Amino acid sequence: MRCAVLDLGSNSYHVLVADLDGRSVAPVLREREMLHLGRTVARHGEVPEDARDQAVATVRHLAELARRTGAQQVLAVATAALREASNGQAVIAALSEAAGAEVEVLPGLEEARLAYLGVRAAVAVRSEPVLVLDLGGGSLELAIGVGDRVVWCASTRLGASSLSARLTDDPPGPDEVAALRALVDAELDPLVDVVRAHAPGTTIAVGGTVRALGRLSAAERGVWLPATLNQLRMDTSELARLEARLLAVDESGRRDLPAMKSRRADHVHVAAVILTRVLQRLGTTTSMLSDWGLREGMLLDRHAVSSPPGAVELRSDEVERIRGAFGIHDPHPDHVAALADRLFVGTRELHGLTDLDRELLCHAARLHALGEAVALRRQQVHGAYLLENAELRGFSPTETAILSTLVRFHRSRGIGDRFPAYASLSAADRQRTERLLALLQVADGLDRAHDQAVTDVAVELDRGRVTLTLTGDGLHVTPDELARRTRWFARAFGVDVEVRDPAAVPA
């Protein structure tokens, strides 16, 4: 079923159109208009007539766009700005008429719960309980949960847009910054001990301005980013340094920062103050970002798809989603994945990699031929590009960089140092990638003819030599090609490689 959510927030109005299959959400359209109603309501106590007219026109446009995209159902929700406005009910009535659907004003606690559900469907979580921080234009919601069960939540009046209305100077002076921090402290004081008592193992932040901070932080660190910031990690200490830089310049200076989007420049420094202070007060040293939140959670909840998948299941489902989108039905990638897994297990003494690396290797094998959906020539280049822009849920930018590198160079003599995804990796992650590529290249070479003639491979390690003994109908590859496929393996692990193919020996 194709559904739409109109999210009438305090900073911006969004529409999300997505297909639901009873298990997951597949976005097909996103559109956004910045209105900054949170700041307007903070200054005037109400939504002035001109702002109301703009909001009504925006909702009418977004609702029409959703229906033209094929949405059979339109859900509309409003958050903090319209909860706080003195004329909120009258504005809601006008917006409902424009949307062709009743606009539901979400209580803060319900907003927190729905954001939690959306985050849990997008992020591969390995340590629970999970704390979700949803920073919007008019409020900050906090939710702690395990699986799909929210065990505690709270809503505060800490919104990046509404608090920006309190500033008179740009850049703000020390007294104004201190006053902002004091407001954050006052809202957090009753909550800090409760959050700490739940001892969340993972903290995830969501919101448009939060993602803006993530882009700025990544740009300062020279971090390569795919199309999504999902699961980007930020150290609180790095965020504090970014906060100081944002507070030192005016809006024009913020606009000039690398990776800054102009529509966020007027309030991103306030968001930095709020988020940094909250993380410091909670004693959180590292947090992750999520690309999904309230809108996705709304769809999941209304259609009873509330149980988040586990980390392994989420990542496997995403790989299958990408393969299905490009019509990958050839048994070759799955067979290469099985052979690569056998090689991984058999060479543990050599590579010293982890079970997570094993999982990444299998995903890369299942995706390595993705580019063939575009063209056979340069298919590895096409495949890497598709992966970088596929908005994979469940994978961090570092993991996406590793996957893209493996796909890009699975047929090459090595790895190009200038390939942006690979160049962004740390020395340790580069070594991981090189070792995984060695295994993938051999596995792909063993099924070079895409005929699954080699059904299995046994690995024997002895004094600097690796012997691969094949099972099946025989290896259908030339000696030169086989030597090329094993050369990177020999170099990566510092060993000699021998391939034994009993089926090739005359009876």
Foldseek 3Di string as FASTA:
>chain_A
DWAKEWEAEQFKTKIWIWDDDLAATGTDDIDMDTLNLLQVCLVVLAQDPVSLVVLLVVLLVRLVVNVVVPHPYYAYEYEDSLVRRPCSVVSQVSNCVSNVHRYHYDDLQVQQLLQVLFQLQFAADDFDQEWEWEAAQQKIKIFTDDFLDTPDIDIGRQHLSSLLSVADDFLGDPVSLVVLLVRLCVRCVVPQVVVVVRPGPAYEYEDDLVVLLVQLLCVVVVADAFQDQFFPKDFLVSLVVVLVVLSVGGLVVQCPRPSHDSSNSSRSSSVSSNVSSVCVSNVHGMHTYHHTGNRRSVVCVVSVNRGHDHLLVLQVVLLVVLCVVLVPPQCLLQQLLVQLLQVCVQCCVQQVDDVVLNSLLSSLSNQLQVQVSPPPVQSLVSSLNCLSHVSRGSDHLLSSLLSSQLSNDLQHLAGDCPPSSLVNDDPVSNLSSLQSSLSSLLSCQQCVVSPCQFVYWHWDDDDQEIEIETDGQWRDDDPVSNCSSNVSVCVSRVGHYHYHYVNVDDD
